[in-house]
Amino acid sequence: MEKASKEVRQEEVKERKQYLLTKLQSMGITHYPDGRDLSECSLFTLEYVYIQEKCKRGGVVEWQPTPENEARV
């Protein structure tokens, strides 16, 4: 049972990576800022790049901690 669940997780990771690669390519992003091809990046890195790009395109400003909102973290 454990082997099957590991295989399922690996397949889900593979599918999510492909989804993100497709989305990023449609945005014109094919390489990480350090020059690596996105297909060589981890799922974590792809998620990061995708979120950053969505924020840029949506006009969302990155969250910066301030004394007022730092207490909420």
C-alpha atoms as a PDB file:
ATOM      1  CA  MET A   1       0.000   0.000   0.000  1.00  0.00           C
ATOM      2  CA  GLU A   2       2.799   2.421   0.867  1.00  0.00           C
ATOM      3  CA  LYS A   3       4.507   1.855  -2.483  1.00  0.00           C
ATOM      4  CA  ALA A   4       1.289   2.641  -4.335  1.00  0.00           C
ATOM      5  CA  SER A   5       0.752   5.881  -2.433  1.00  0.00           C
ATOM      6  CA  LYS A   6       4.328   6.951  -3.145  1.00  0.00           C
ATOM      7  CA  GLU A   7       3.794   6.302  -6.846  1.00  0.00           C
ATOM      8  CA  VAL A   8       0.552   8.302  -6.750  1.00  0.00           C
ATOM      9  CA  ARG A   9       2.330  11.250  -5.083  1.00  0.00           C
ATOM     10  CA  GLN A  10       5.118  11.112  -7.649  1.00  0.00           C
ATOM     11  CA  GLU A  11       2.559  11.154 -10.450  1.00  0.00           C
ATOM     12  CA  GLU A  12       0.746  14.106  -8.861  1.00  0.00           C
ATOM     13  CA  VAL A  13       4.033  16.026  -8.564  1.00  0.00           C
ATOM     14  CA  LYS A  14       4.836  15.253 -12.193  1.00  0.00           C
ATOM     15  CA  GLU A  15       1.397  16.450 -13.315  1.00  0.00           C
ATOM     16  CA  ARG A  16       1.623  19.650 -11.258  1.00  0.00           C
ATOM     17  CA  LYS A  17       5.105  20.414 -12.631  1.00  0.00           C
ATOM     18  CA  GLN A  18       3.825  19.952 -16.178  1.00  0.00           C
ATOM     19  CA  TYR A  19       0.838  22.213 -15.470  1.00  0.00           C
ATOM     20  CA  LEU A  20       3.108  24.951 -14.102  1.00  0.00           C
ATOM     21  CA  LEU A  21       5.574  24.603 -16.977  1.00  0.00           C
ATOM     22  CA  THR A  22       2.721  24.993 -19.462  1.00  0.00           C
ATOM     23  CA  LYS A  23       1.341  28.046 -17.652  1.00  0.00           C
ATOM     24  CA  LEU A  24       4.764  29.691 -17.361  1.00  0.00           C
ATOM     25  CA  GLN A  25       5.560  29.023 -21.014  1.00  0.00           C
ATOM     26  CA  SER A  26       2.255  30.630 -22.005  1.00  0.00           C
ATOM     27  CA  MET A  27       3.412  33.694 -20.036  1.00  0.00           C
ATOM     28  CA  GLY A  28       6.674  33.698 -21.966  1.00  0.00           C
ATOM     29  CA  ILE A  29       8.765  32.408 -19.063  1.00  0.00           C
ATOM     30  CA  THR A  30      11.130  29.570 -19.999  1.00  0.00           C
ATOM     31  CA  HIS A  31      14.117  30.127 -17.720  1.00  0.00           C
ATOM     32  CA  TYR A  32      14.675  30.831 -14.038  1.00  0.00           C
ATOM     33  CA  PRO A  33      16.383  34.195 -13.376  1.00  0.00           C
ATOM     34  CA  ASP A  34      19.701  32.394 -12.762  1.00  0.00           C
ATOM     35  CA  GLY A  35      19.574  30.959 -16.305  1.00  0.00           C
ATOM     36  CA  ARG A  36      18.353  27.429 -15.547  1.00  0.00           C
ATOM     37  CA  ASP A  37      15.761  25.945 -17.838  1.00  0.00           C
ATOM     38  CA  LEU A  38      12.483  25.688 -15.922  1.00  0.00           C
ATOM     39  CA  SER A  39      12.160  21.994 -16.790  1.00  0.00           C
ATOM     40  CA  GLU A  40      15.216  21.404 -14.566  1.00  0.00           C
ATOM     41  CA  CYS A  41      13.656  23.132 -11.547  1.00  0.00           C
ATOM     42  CA  SER A  42      11.906  21.549  -8.579  1.00  0.00           C
ATOM     43  CA  LEU A  43       8.172  21.784  -7.993  1.00  0.00           C
ATOM     44  CA  PHE A  44       8.847  24.262  -5.179  1.00  0.00           C
ATOM     45  CA  THR A  45      10.817  26.535  -7.527  1.00  0.00           C
ATOM     46  CA  LEU A  46       8.157  26.338 -10.232  1.00  0.00           C
ATOM     47  CA  GLU A  47       5.447  27.244  -7.725  1.00  0.00           C
ATOM     48  CA  TYR A  48       7.546  30.204  -6.553  1.00  0.00           C
ATOM     49  CA  VAL A  49       8.163  31.500 -10.073  1.00  0.00           C
ATOM     50  CA  TYR A  50       4.501  31.064 -11.010  1.00  0.00           C
ATOM     51  CA  ILE A  51       3.250  32.949  -7.952  1.00  0.00           C
ATOM     52  CA  GLN A  52       5.791  35.746  -8.461  1.00  0.00           C
ATOM     53  CA  GLU A  53       4.805  36.116 -12.093  1.00  0.00           C
ATOM     54  CA  LYS A  54       1.092  36.130 -11.291  1.00  0.00           C
ATOM     55  CA  CYS A  55       1.698  38.860  -8.719  1.00  0.00           C
ATOM     56  CA  LYS A  56       3.626  40.959 -11.232  1.00  0.00           C
ATOM     57  CA  ARG A  57       0.967  40.625 -13.869  1.00  0.00           C
ATOM     58  CA  GLY A  58      -1.885  41.255 -11.468  1.00  0.00           C
ATOM     59  CA  GLY A  59      -0.328  44.373 -10.031  1.00  0.00           C
ATOM     60  CA  VAL A  60      -0.146  42.817  -6.591  1.00  0.00           C
ATOM     61  CA  VAL A  61       2.587  44.270  -4.407  1.00  0.00           C
ATOM     62  CA  GLU A  62       4.705  41.801  -2.464  1.00  0.00           C
ATOM     63  CA  TRP A  63       3.852  41.663   1.226  1.00  0.00           C
ATOM     64  CA  GLN A  64       6.364  43.479   3.389  1.00  0.00           C
ATOM     65  CA  PRO A  65       6.357  43.071   7.173  1.00  0.00           C
ATOM     66  CA  THR A  66       5.639  46.202   9.152  1.00  0.00           C
ATOM     67  CA  PRO A  67       5.296  46.659  12.913  1.00  0.00           C
ATOM     68  CA  GLU A  68       1.490  46.645  12.484  1.00  0.00           C
ATOM     69  CA  ASN A  69       1.179  43.411  10.509  1.00  0.00           C
ATOM     70  CA  GLU A  70       4.229  41.571  11.896  1.00  0.00           C
ATOM     71  CA  ALA A  71       2.272  40.619  15.014  1.00  0.00           C
ATOM     72  CA  ARG A  72      -0.221  38.708  12.827  1.00  0.00           C
ATOM     73  CA  VAL A  73       2.447  36.364  11.468  1.00  0.00           C
END
